[in-house]
Protein backbone atom coordinates (compact mmCIF):
# COMPACT_ATOMS: atom_id res chain seq x y z
CA MET A 1 -34.33 4.23 -19.05
CA PRO A 2 -36.06 5.76 -22.11
CA PHE A 3 -36.98 9.43 -21.93
CA THR A 4 -40.63 10.09 -21.11
CA LYS A 5 -42.45 13.37 -20.65
CA GLY A 6 -41.98 14.72 -17.16
CA HIS A 7 -39.01 12.47 -16.48
CA LYS A 8 -35.95 14.37 -15.26
CA VAL A 9 -32.80 12.79 -16.60
CA LYS A 10 -30.26 12.16 -13.86
CA ARG A 11 -26.77 13.48 -14.44
CA ARG A 12 -24.27 10.75 -13.78
CA ARG A 13 -20.56 11.28 -13.30
CA PRO A 14 -18.20 8.68 -14.79
CA VAL A 15 -17.10 5.77 -12.66
CA LYS A 16 -19.70 6.54 -10.01
CA GLU A 17 -18.26 4.21 -7.40
CA ALA A 18 -14.76 5.65 -7.78
CA VAL A 19 -16.09 9.18 -7.37
CA LYS A 20 -17.89 8.19 -4.18
CA ARG A 21 -14.78 6.62 -2.74
CA ILE A 22 -12.54 9.52 -3.65
CA GLU A 23 -14.95 12.01 -2.11
CA ALA A 24 -14.82 9.94 1.08
CA THR A 25 -11.03 10.24 1.15
CA ARG A 26 -11.34 14.03 1.16
CA LYS A 27 -13.29 14.05 4.43
CA GLY A 28 -11.52 14.50 7.73
CA ALA A 29 -7.82 14.53 8.49
CA GLY A 30 -5.11 12.08 7.60
CA LYS A 31 -3.63 13.30 4.30
CA ILE A 32 -0.08 14.58 3.91
CA GLU A 33 0.15 18.33 3.36
CA SER A 34 2.65 18.09 0.51
CA LYS A 35 5.14 15.83 -1.22
CA ALA A 36 7.84 17.58 0.81
CA GLN A 37 6.25 16.09 3.92
CA LEU A 38 6.45 12.61 2.37
CA LYS A 39 10.15 13.22 1.64
CA HIS A 40 10.61 14.08 5.32
CA ILE A 41 8.77 10.92 6.38
CA LEU A 42 10.89 8.72 4.11
CA ALA A 43 14.15 10.33 5.20
CA ASN A 44 13.27 9.62 8.84
CA ALA A 45 12.15 6.07 8.04
CA ASN A 46 15.56 5.52 6.44
CA ARG A 47 17.31 5.46 9.80
CA GLY A 48 18.31 2.74 12.20
CA ASP A 49 18.67 -1.00 11.89
CA CYS A 50 15.29 -1.51 10.18
CA ALA A 51 15.65 1.26 7.59
CA GLU A 52 15.14 -0.88 4.50
CA ARG A 53 12.03 -2.52 5.90
CA ASN A 54 10.54 0.73 7.09
CA VAL A 55 11.07 2.60 3.81
CA ALA A 56 9.55 -0.28 1.84
CA LEU A 57 6.52 -0.33 4.15
CA ILE A 58 5.93 3.42 3.78
CA TRP A 59 6.06 3.14 0.00
CA PHE A 60 3.45 0.37 0.08
CA LEU A 61 1.06 2.68 1.93
CA PHE A 62 1.51 5.44 -0.67
CA GLY A 63 2.26 3.40 -3.80
CA SER A 64 -0.16 0.50 -3.45
CA LEU A 65 -2.64 2.45 -1.28
CA THR A 66 -2.70 -0.32 1.32
CA ARG A 67 -3.36 -0.15 5.05
CA ILE A 68 -0.64 -0.93 7.58
CA SER A 69 -1.87 -4.19 9.12
CA GLU A 70 -2.98 -5.77 5.85
CA THR A 71 0.39 -4.86 4.33
CA CYS A 72 2.14 -6.60 7.21
CA ARG A 73 0.21 -9.79 6.45
CA LEU A 74 1.53 -10.05 2.90
CA GLU A 75 3.76 -13.03 2.10
CA VAL A 76 6.78 -12.98 -0.20
CA LYS A 77 4.95 -15.02 -2.86
CA ASP A 78 2.19 -12.40 -2.96
CA VAL A 79 4.52 -9.86 -4.57
CA PHE A 80 7.39 -11.92 -6.01
CA THR A 81 7.05 -14.54 -8.74
CA LYS A 82 8.72 -17.91 -8.24
CA THR A 83 11.44 -16.84 -10.67
CA GLY A 84 12.20 -13.84 -8.48
CA ASP A 85 10.59 -11.05 -10.48
CA LEU A 86 8.46 -8.40 -8.83
CA LYS A 87 4.82 -8.49 -9.86
CA SER A 88 3.24 -5.31 -11.22
CA VAL A 89 -0.13 -6.24 -9.68
CA PHE A 90 -0.66 -8.31 -6.56
CA ARG A 91 -3.71 -9.62 -4.76
CA MET A 92 -4.55 -8.41 -1.28
CA LYS A 93 -6.31 -11.52 -0.04
CA ALA A 94 -9.62 -11.26 1.76
CA ASP A 95 -8.13 -12.83 4.90
CA TYR A 96 -5.67 -9.94 5.14
CA THR A 97 -8.25 -7.16 4.94
CA LYS A 98 -10.50 -5.46 7.46
CA THR A 99 -13.47 -5.76 5.08
CA ASN A 100 -12.80 -9.45 4.31
CA THR A 101 -12.86 -8.57 0.61
CA SER A 102 -9.95 -9.28 -1.71
CA ARG A 103 -8.73 -6.65 -4.14
CA ASP A 104 -6.02 -6.25 -6.74
CA CYS A 105 -3.34 -3.67 -5.93
CA ALA A 106 -0.69 -2.03 -8.10
CA LEU A 107 3.04 -2.42 -7.59
CA VAL A 108 4.21 -0.10 -10.36
CA LEU A 109 5.74 2.91 -8.61
CA LYS A 110 9.48 2.98 -9.31
CA GLN A 111 10.46 4.16 -5.84
CA GLN A 112 8.35 1.46 -4.21
CA ARG A 113 9.87 -1.29 -6.34
CA SER A 114 13.37 0.01 -5.62
CA ALA A 115 12.67 0.09 -1.88
CA LEU A 116 11.23 -3.43 -1.92
CA LEU A 117 14.29 -4.82 -3.70
CA ALA A 118 16.54 -3.06 -1.18
CA TRP A 119 14.56 -4.76 1.62
CA ARG A 120 14.84 -8.10 -0.21
CA ASN A 121 18.62 -7.61 -0.44
CA ARG A 122 18.81 -6.79 3.27
CA ARG A 123 17.03 -10.04 4.09
CA LEU A 124 19.42 -11.95 1.84
CA ALA A 125 22.42 -10.35 3.53
CA ASP A 126 21.04 -11.20 6.99
CA GLY A 127 19.92 -14.73 6.03
CA ALA A 128 16.34 -13.96 7.01
CA MET A 129 14.02 -16.83 6.00
CA LEU A 130 15.71 -17.75 2.73
CA SER A 131 14.46 -20.27 0.16
CA ASP A 132 16.37 -23.52 -0.31
CA ASP A 133 16.39 -23.33 -4.11
CA GLY A 134 16.78 -19.59 -4.75
CA SER A 135 13.14 -19.18 -5.73
CA TYR A 136 11.15 -16.01 -4.98
CA GLY A 137 14.26 -13.86 -5.23
CA GLY A 138 16.04 -15.99 -2.66
CA LEU A 139 13.36 -15.67 0.03
CA ARG A 140 10.95 -18.31 1.28
CA GLY A 141 7.73 -17.80 -0.63
CA ASP A 142 5.56 -18.60 2.38
CA SER A 143 7.45 -16.27 4.72
CA PRO A 144 6.01 -12.87 5.68
CA LEU A 145 7.12 -10.05 3.41
CA PHE A 146 7.77 -7.78 6.41
CA LEU A 147 9.52 -9.02 9.54
CA ALA A 148 10.11 -7.90 13.11
CA ARG A 149 13.61 -7.21 14.44
CA ARG A 150 14.71 -8.50 17.84
CA GLY A 151 18.37 -8.03 18.65
CA LYS A 152 20.23 -9.23 15.58
CA SER A 153 17.47 -11.58 14.44
CA TRP A 154 14.49 -11.19 12.11
CA MET A 155 11.25 -12.92 13.07
CA THR A 156 7.54 -12.98 12.31
CA LEU A 157 5.51 -9.93 13.28
CA ALA A 158 2.92 -10.36 16.05
CA PHE A 159 -0.79 -9.67 15.49
CA ASN A 160 -3.65 -9.23 17.92
CA VAL A 161 -7.40 -9.50 17.38
CA LYS A 162 -9.22 -6.17 17.14
CA LYS A 163 -12.99 -6.03 17.42
CA TYR A 164 -15.10 -3.28 15.87
CA MET A 165 -18.76 -2.61 15.21
CA THR A 166 -20.38 -2.42 11.78
CA LYS A 167 -23.97 -2.16 10.58
CA GLU A 168 -23.96 -5.95 10.42
CA GLY A 169 -22.75 -6.27 14.00
CA GLU A 170 -19.42 -6.97 15.69
CA LYS A 171 -16.51 -8.08 13.50
CA GLU A 172 -12.89 -8.99 14.08
CA THR A 173 -9.69 -8.27 12.24
CA LEU A 174 -6.00 -8.89 12.91
CA ARG A 175 -3.96 -5.82 13.80
CA CYS A 176 -0.19 -5.46 13.80
CA ALA A 177 0.05 -3.04 16.72
CA SER A 178 3.85 -2.73 16.64
CA MET A 179 3.98 -1.50 13.03
CA GLU A 180 0.85 0.63 13.33
CA ASN A 181 2.40 2.32 16.38
CA TYR A 182 5.72 2.74 14.58
CA VAL A 183 4.14 4.38 11.55
CA ARG A 184 1.93 6.69 13.63
CA SER A 185 4.95 7.68 15.74
CA LEU A 186 6.98 8.31 12.57
CA PHE A 187 4.23 10.46 11.11
CA LYS A 188 3.94 12.45 14.33
CA ARG A 189 7.71 13.07 14.53
CA CYS A 190 7.52 14.43 11.01
CA GLY A 191 4.74 16.88 11.87
CA PHE A 192 1.97 14.69 10.47
CA SER A 193 -0.01 14.41 13.70
CA GLN A 194 -3.22 13.18 12.05
CA GLY A 195 -1.54 10.30 10.25
CA SER A 196 -3.26 6.91 10.41
CA SER A 197 -3.31 3.51 8.73
CA HIS A 198 -5.36 5.07 5.92
CA SER A 199 -3.10 8.06 5.31
CA GLY A 200 -1.14 6.71 2.35
CA ARG A 201 -4.37 5.64 0.68
CA LYS A 202 -6.05 9.01 1.28
CA SER A 203 -3.00 11.04 0.30
CA THR A 204 -2.31 9.32 -3.00
CA ALA A 205 -5.96 9.32 -4.03
CA SER A 206 -6.16 13.04 -3.31
CA LEU A 207 -2.90 13.83 -5.14
CA LEU A 208 -4.09 11.92 -8.20
CA SER A 209 -7.43 13.71 -8.11
CA ASP A 210 -5.77 17.12 -7.67
CA ALA A 211 -3.53 16.36 -10.65
CA GLY A 212 -6.62 15.88 -12.82
CA ILE A 213 -6.15 12.13 -13.24
CA ASP A 214 -9.22 10.38 -14.64
CA TYR A 215 -11.45 8.82 -11.99
CA GLY A 216 -11.20 5.45 -13.69
CA VAL A 217 -7.42 5.47 -13.19
CA ILE A 218 -7.83 6.52 -9.56
CA GLN A 219 -10.20 3.61 -9.04
CA MET A 220 -7.48 1.30 -10.35
CA ALA A 221 -5.08 2.78 -7.79
CA ILE A 222 -7.53 2.32 -4.92
CA GLY A 223 -7.86 -1.33 -5.89
CA HIS A 224 -10.43 -3.39 -7.74
CA VAL A 225 -12.44 -5.96 -5.84
CA SER A 226 -11.21 -9.31 -7.13
CA ASP A 227 -12.12 -12.97 -7.22
CA GLU A 228 -9.56 -15.02 -5.34
CA GLN A 229 -10.49 -18.10 -7.34
CA THR A 230 -8.85 -16.75 -10.49
CA ASP A 231 -5.26 -15.75 -11.25
CA THR A 232 -6.44 -13.10 -13.70
CA TYR A 233 -5.97 -9.56 -12.42
CA ILE A 234 -8.60 -7.02 -13.35
CA ILE A 235 -6.72 -3.71 -13.38
CA SER A 236 -7.94 -2.70 -16.81
CA ASP A 237 -5.18 -0.36 -17.98
CA PRO A 238 -1.99 -0.91 -15.95
CA GLN A 239 0.06 1.41 -18.18
CA LYS A 240 -2.21 4.38 -17.45
CA LEU A 241 -1.97 3.62 -13.75
CA THR A 242 1.81 3.22 -13.96
CA ASP A 243 2.16 6.57 -15.71
CA ALA A 244 -0.18 8.34 -13.26
CA LEU A 245 1.50 7.10 -10.07
CA ASN A 246 5.02 7.71 -11.33
CA SER A 247 4.04 11.17 -12.51
CA VAL A 248 2.45 12.28 -9.25
CA TYR A 249 5.47 11.11 -7.20
CA SER A 250 8.18 11.96 -9.74
CA SER A 251 9.73 14.59 -7.44
CA VAL A 252 10.01 12.25 -4.43
CA PRO A 253 13.32 10.30 -4.20
CA PRO A 254 13.05 6.67 -3.03
CA LEU A 255 14.64 7.52 0.32
CA GLY A 256 13.24 11.02 0.65
CA ILE A 257 16.67 12.52 -0.11
CA LYS A 258 18.78 12.36 -3.25
CA ASP A 259 21.71 10.58 -1.64
CA LYS A 260 21.42 7.84 0.94
CA GLY A 261 22.89 9.08 4.20
CA ARG A 262 22.35 6.68 7.09
């Protein structure tokens, strides 16, 4: 708009939408108090017969800023290429999300990638839904990325329909109650009583903001809305995002402790 007499120029902050979303993450409870608390959460997740799965799931919440139930709906081919490499950006499909909107998410945090490969190796060792030709890192591409454990067997996680009200009326989403309950219970045992499915997302966004990371980079971390009809990802500067995430979590070991002690 051209300047005219009597017109008061509006001050606009960069990346307006990102600012709005980050400010929203600062409201209410649900953010970890410190990186030490995340170390405690990871160390406790790294226990029991599902340790590799649980650690990988926690890192998705904090590294890719995803919610629990949508993370549990990911398939192997969403994050692994057919040749077995881990993607650096993956698409969270609209069908997986509460908002029914797809977005591109980062998979660039070193600890998260390490944890995911450890979980892949656990599945290989247990023969859990393997590919016939060694594709997708040895796992079936159409199998769920995260599995449920029953006895000595791995199987598909169960989901139930959850209804909620929006301005547009009643909507439905699929909820993985077992993993949501596990994560909330884990958070509570670690003194994080206000933890929720949004906690990783809120915590990482706040840590990046507190570290003075540019709002445009934080927007990349939160996830760009994407078009599922194209294979082109729209995270504009993945190297900046890679550097920012690995910097903010540089002091957190992959398993919460320096040496694995199970």
